[in-house]
Protein backbone atom coordinates (compact mmCIF):
# COMPACT_ATOMS: atom_id res chain seq x y z
CA MET A 1 50.44 -208.86 -17.40
CA ILE A 2 53.13 -207.45 -15.16
CA PHE A 3 52.05 -203.88 -15.76
CA LEU A 4 48.47 -204.52 -14.79
CA ALA A 5 49.64 -206.31 -11.64
CA ALA A 6 51.87 -203.31 -10.78
CA LEU A 7 49.07 -200.85 -11.54
CA HIS A 8 46.62 -202.73 -9.33
CA LYS A 9 49.14 -202.65 -6.44
CA GLU A 10 49.61 -198.88 -6.87
CA LEU A 11 45.88 -198.20 -7.07
CA LEU A 12 45.13 -200.49 -4.05
CA GLU A 13 47.80 -198.82 -2.01
CA GLN A 14 46.37 -195.42 -2.75
CA TRP A 15 42.86 -196.66 -1.78
CA ARG A 16 44.05 -198.28 1.49
CA THR A 17 46.12 -195.24 2.55
CA TYR A 18 43.21 -193.03 1.90
CA ARG A 19 45.22 -190.88 -0.57
CA LEU A 20 42.53 -191.28 -3.34
CA LEU A 21 39.92 -190.23 -0.82
CA ALA A 22 41.93 -187.23 0.43
CA VAL A 23 42.58 -186.01 -3.13
CA GLY A 24 38.92 -186.48 -4.09
CA VAL A 25 37.71 -184.60 -0.96
CA VAL A 26 39.99 -181.67 -1.36
CA LEU A 27 39.28 -181.18 -5.07
CA LEU A 28 35.60 -181.75 -4.65
CA VAL A 29 35.36 -179.07 -1.83
CA PHE A 30 37.09 -176.52 -4.08
CA GLY A 31 35.03 -177.50 -7.02
CA LEU A 32 31.85 -176.90 -5.07
CA LEU A 33 33.08 -173.63 -3.40
CA SER A 34 34.30 -172.01 -6.65
CA PRO A 35 30.84 -170.93 -7.93
CA LEU A 36 29.67 -170.22 -4.32
CA ILE A 37 32.70 -167.89 -3.75
CA ALA A 38 31.99 -166.15 -7.01
CA LYS A 39 28.33 -165.73 -6.30
CA TYR A 40 28.44 -164.48 -2.72
CA THR A 41 31.61 -162.53 -2.61
CA PRO A 42 29.76 -159.20 -2.77
CA GLU A 43 27.44 -160.27 -0.04
CA ILE A 44 30.35 -161.34 2.15
CA ILE A 45 31.99 -157.92 1.68
CA LYS A 46 28.82 -156.20 2.77
CA LEU A 47 29.28 -157.76 6.25
CA VAL A 48 32.64 -155.96 6.87
CA PRO A 49 32.83 -152.33 7.99
CA ASN A 50 32.10 -149.93 5.20
CA GLY A 51 31.45 -153.06 3.04
CA GLU A 52 28.19 -151.71 1.63
CA ALA A 53 30.19 -148.97 -0.19
CA LEU A 54 32.84 -151.41 -1.37
CA SER A 55 30.37 -153.93 -2.70
CA HIS A 56 29.07 -151.35 -5.20
CA LEU A 57 32.58 -151.35 -6.73
CA ILE A 58 32.35 -155.13 -7.54
CA PRO A 59 30.77 -156.09 -10.78
CA THR A 60 27.76 -158.34 -10.80
CA PRO A 61 29.05 -161.94 -10.56
CA THR A 62 28.77 -164.00 -13.71
CA ALA A 63 29.40 -167.64 -14.71
CA MET A 64 32.92 -166.66 -15.93
CA ASP A 65 33.74 -165.54 -12.35
CA ALA A 66 32.92 -169.07 -11.24
CA VAL A 67 35.06 -170.55 -13.94
CA THR A 68 38.00 -168.27 -13.09
CA GLN A 69 37.72 -169.17 -9.45
CA TYR A 70 37.67 -172.81 -10.38
CA ILE A 71 40.65 -172.66 -12.58
CA LYS A 72 42.62 -170.82 -9.85
CA ASN A 73 41.58 -173.19 -7.13
CA ILE A 74 41.98 -176.47 -8.97
CA GLY A 75 45.22 -175.42 -10.63
CA GLN A 76 46.81 -174.34 -7.36
CA PHE A 77 45.60 -177.21 -5.16
CA GLY A 78 46.12 -179.74 -7.98
CA VAL A 79 49.83 -178.88 -8.04
CA ILE A 80 50.18 -178.97 -4.35
CA LEU A 81 48.43 -182.26 -4.09
CA ALA A 82 50.62 -183.61 -7.09
CA LEU A 83 53.78 -182.77 -5.17
CA LEU A 84 52.60 -184.28 -1.81
CA LEU A 85 51.33 -187.55 -3.37
CA THR A 86 54.28 -188.03 -5.72
CA MET A 87 57.36 -186.93 -3.83
CA GLY A 88 57.49 -190.22 -1.89
CA ALA A 89 56.44 -192.38 -4.78
CA VAL A 90 59.98 -193.88 -5.22
CA ALA A 91 62.05 -192.22 -2.66
CA GLN A 92 59.91 -193.64 0.16
CA GLU A 93 60.18 -197.16 -1.20
CA LYS A 94 63.93 -196.85 -1.56
CA GLU A 95 64.06 -195.65 1.98
CA LYS A 96 62.06 -198.58 3.37
CA GLY A 97 63.58 -201.17 0.98
CA THR A 98 60.32 -202.10 -0.57
CA ALA A 99 61.44 -201.12 -3.96
CA ALA A 100 64.30 -203.61 -3.86
CA ILE A 101 61.74 -206.42 -2.86
CA MET A 102 59.45 -205.41 -5.63
CA LEU A 103 62.09 -205.38 -8.27
CA VAL A 104 63.27 -208.87 -7.32
CA LYS A 105 59.95 -210.27 -8.42
CA PRO A 106 61.15 -209.61 -11.30
CA LEU A 107 59.50 -206.35 -12.09
CA PRO A 108 61.21 -204.23 -14.78
CA ARG A 109 62.07 -200.75 -13.45
CA ALA A 110 60.52 -199.09 -16.38
CA ILE A 111 57.16 -200.81 -15.60
CA PHE A 112 57.57 -199.97 -11.92
CA LEU A 113 57.78 -196.22 -12.78
CA VAL A 114 55.10 -196.19 -15.52
CA ALA A 115 52.68 -198.01 -13.12
CA LYS A 116 53.24 -195.31 -10.55
CA PHE A 117 52.64 -192.49 -12.96
CA THR A 118 49.60 -194.15 -14.53
CA ALA A 119 48.04 -194.74 -11.05
CA LEU A 120 48.64 -191.15 -10.09
CA GLY A 121 47.34 -189.98 -13.50
CA LEU A 122 44.17 -192.03 -12.97
CA THR A 123 43.76 -190.69 -9.48
CA PHE A 124 43.81 -187.04 -10.71
CA ALA A 125 41.69 -187.76 -13.79
CA VAL A 126 38.92 -189.20 -11.57
CA THR A 127 39.00 -186.57 -8.85
CA ILE A 128 39.25 -183.61 -11.37
CA ALA A 129 36.32 -185.15 -13.15
CA ILE A 130 34.25 -185.25 -9.92
CA ALA A 131 35.37 -181.64 -9.01
CA GLY A 132 34.51 -180.50 -12.41
CA ALA A 133 31.05 -182.05 -12.43
CA ALA A 134 30.40 -180.53 -8.94
CA CYS A 135 31.45 -177.07 -10.10
CA TYR A 136 29.40 -177.41 -13.32
CA TYR A 137 26.32 -178.32 -11.45
CA TYR A 138 26.50 -175.49 -9.00
CA THR A 139 27.40 -172.95 -11.57
CA TRP A 140 24.31 -174.10 -13.59
CA LEU A 141 22.12 -173.75 -10.43
CA LEU A 142 23.61 -170.13 -9.62
CA PHE A 143 24.31 -168.63 -12.92
CA GLY A 144 23.03 -170.97 -15.81
CA ALA A 145 24.42 -173.71 -17.89
CA LEU A 146 27.98 -173.62 -19.25
CA ASP A 147 29.09 -175.03 -22.63
CA ALA A 148 29.50 -178.64 -21.88
CA GLN A 149 32.15 -179.41 -24.59
CA HIS A 150 34.32 -176.50 -23.66
CA TRP A 151 34.08 -177.42 -19.94
CA LEU A 152 35.30 -180.94 -20.75
CA ALA A 153 38.24 -179.38 -22.72
CA LEU A 154 39.03 -177.05 -19.79
CA ASN A 155 39.22 -179.97 -17.37
CA GLY A 156 41.28 -181.92 -19.76
CA LEU A 157 43.81 -178.98 -19.97
CA VAL A 158 43.78 -178.82 -16.09
CA LEU A 159 44.55 -182.48 -15.86
CA LEU A 160 47.42 -182.13 -18.38
CA PHE A 161 48.77 -179.18 -16.36
CA VAL A 162 48.77 -181.17 -13.09
CA LEU A 163 50.36 -184.25 -14.78
CA VAL A 164 53.36 -182.14 -15.78
CA TYR A 165 54.02 -181.60 -12.04
CA VAL A 166 53.32 -185.24 -11.25
CA ALA A 167 55.99 -186.27 -13.77
CA LEU A 168 58.53 -183.78 -12.64
CA THR A 169 58.00 -184.72 -8.94
CA LEU A 170 58.33 -188.51 -9.88
CA PHE A 171 61.61 -187.62 -11.51
CA CYS A 172 62.74 -185.87 -8.33
CA SER A 173 61.59 -188.78 -6.25
CA VAL A 174 63.89 -191.02 -8.40
CA VAL A 175 66.87 -188.53 -8.19
CA THR A 176 66.82 -188.08 -4.41
CA LYS A 177 66.96 -190.52 -1.49
CA SER A 178 64.19 -189.04 0.78
CA GLN A 179 60.81 -187.62 0.39
CA ALA A 180 61.87 -184.21 1.88
CA ALA A 181 64.66 -183.80 -0.70
CA ALA A 182 62.28 -184.87 -3.47
CA GLY A 183 59.72 -182.31 -2.30
CA GLY A 184 62.22 -179.59 -2.12
CA LEU A 185 63.64 -180.21 -5.57
CA ALA A 186 60.12 -180.39 -7.02
CA LEU A 187 59.22 -177.05 -5.44
CA SER A 188 62.42 -175.61 -6.97
CA LEU A 189 61.31 -176.72 -10.41
CA LEU A 190 57.78 -175.39 -9.73
CA PHE A 191 59.30 -172.04 -8.84
CA ILE A 192 61.53 -172.03 -11.95
CA LEU A 193 58.70 -172.80 -14.25
CA GLY A 194 56.52 -170.14 -12.58
CA LEU A 195 59.30 -167.59 -13.01
CA ALA A 196 59.94 -168.58 -16.71
CA GLY A 197 56.23 -168.24 -17.27
CA SER A 198 56.24 -164.63 -16.25
CA ILE A 199 58.76 -163.65 -18.94
CA PRO A 200 56.99 -162.02 -21.89
CA GLY A 201 57.02 -164.20 -25.00
CA LEU A 202 58.15 -167.27 -23.12
CA GLY A 203 55.11 -168.02 -20.92
CA GLU A 204 52.92 -168.97 -23.84
CA TYR A 205 55.08 -172.02 -24.45
CA LEU A 206 54.84 -173.23 -20.79
CA PRO A 207 52.34 -175.38 -18.93
CA GLY A 208 50.75 -172.43 -17.16
CA GLN A 209 49.30 -171.26 -20.53
CA LEU A 210 47.01 -174.30 -20.51
CA LEU A 211 44.98 -172.76 -17.80
CA ALA A 212 44.72 -169.51 -19.63
CA TRP A 213 43.66 -171.48 -22.82
CA GLY A 214 40.96 -173.23 -20.76
CA GLY A 215 39.73 -169.87 -19.48
CA GLY A 216 39.57 -168.50 -22.98
CA LEU A 217 37.62 -171.44 -24.27
CA MET A 218 35.00 -170.88 -21.63
CA ALA A 219 34.87 -167.16 -22.43
CA GLU A 220 34.63 -168.06 -26.23
CA GLN A 221 37.53 -165.79 -26.88
CA GLY A 222 41.32 -166.00 -27.08
CA GLU A 223 43.61 -168.11 -29.11
CA ALA A 224 44.68 -171.84 -28.81
CA PHE A 225 48.07 -172.42 -27.25
CA TRP A 226 49.04 -175.68 -28.96
CA ALA A 227 52.73 -174.95 -28.37
CA ALA A 228 52.06 -175.03 -24.60
CA LEU A 229 50.28 -178.33 -24.90
CA TRP A 230 53.07 -179.96 -26.80
CA VAL A 231 55.78 -178.56 -24.50
CA SER A 232 53.81 -180.03 -21.59
CA VAL A 233 53.55 -183.36 -23.14
CA GLY A 234 57.30 -183.08 -23.96
CA ILE A 235 58.18 -182.24 -20.28
CA ILE A 236 56.15 -185.32 -19.09
CA VAL A 237 57.94 -187.61 -21.62
CA VAL A 238 61.43 -186.15 -20.80
CA ALA A 239 60.72 -186.47 -17.07
CA LEU A 240 59.60 -190.10 -17.32
CA VAL A 241 62.40 -191.10 -19.66
CA GLY A 242 64.99 -189.28 -17.51
CA ALA A 243 63.59 -190.99 -14.35
CA ARG A 244 63.84 -194.46 -16.08
CA LEU A 245 67.38 -193.89 -17.08
CA LEU A 246 68.57 -192.80 -13.67
CA PHE A 247 66.54 -195.47 -11.91
CA GLU A 248 68.17 -198.23 -14.11
CA ARG A 249 71.50 -197.16 -12.83
CA GLN A 250 70.75 -196.87 -9.06
CA GLU A 251 71.73 -199.37 -6.49
CA LEU A 252 68.70 -200.31 -4.30
């Protein structure tokens, strides 16, 4: 199948350019560090001047502190890596002329884009799974076992959150003619979503609420934010469809 051949090409390129390894290492490091930071922050504070007094003001670390640290780290760095990996996905190939060569094969433009998104999705799925497994193991060692089903659900929500920014950045990479422009436009969209998420009543419908949902699951409290999930899926679909419609009309 043409799609499988295009997907193989994308995955092979990520492997040969060490992008897969780089993403895996970064997320693994933060997966490992999250429970360690949560556990030893009071001890680190004791090392600073007057730290002994300050350390008494910090509550005794718990497994939820490790979970909170993990959500913050993987959420932030997952988005950063999504922008860095995706901003040149199409723009760079248009700059170098490789996109025109690939599409002469013939390779349908829709499959060209879907293969790129699928390869990036698989990359983040694998690396988040590795980071999640590392964090789960260290949290178990330092604090005790977490609920495995809720932990899987949390990481699924984190993955969906990151994929929203993969899709948006891929759209930006199609719209623009350079990696820098694609990155700048994607950062603007990131800022807009972050600003909109801070508006009371609106934030619960936006992708950022997926992370809060995951944290609530682990704490065994809080409500489910299905609206945020479906809005996130909708953003991904709209971004990919929009990218395809624009790409079909572009001269390469």
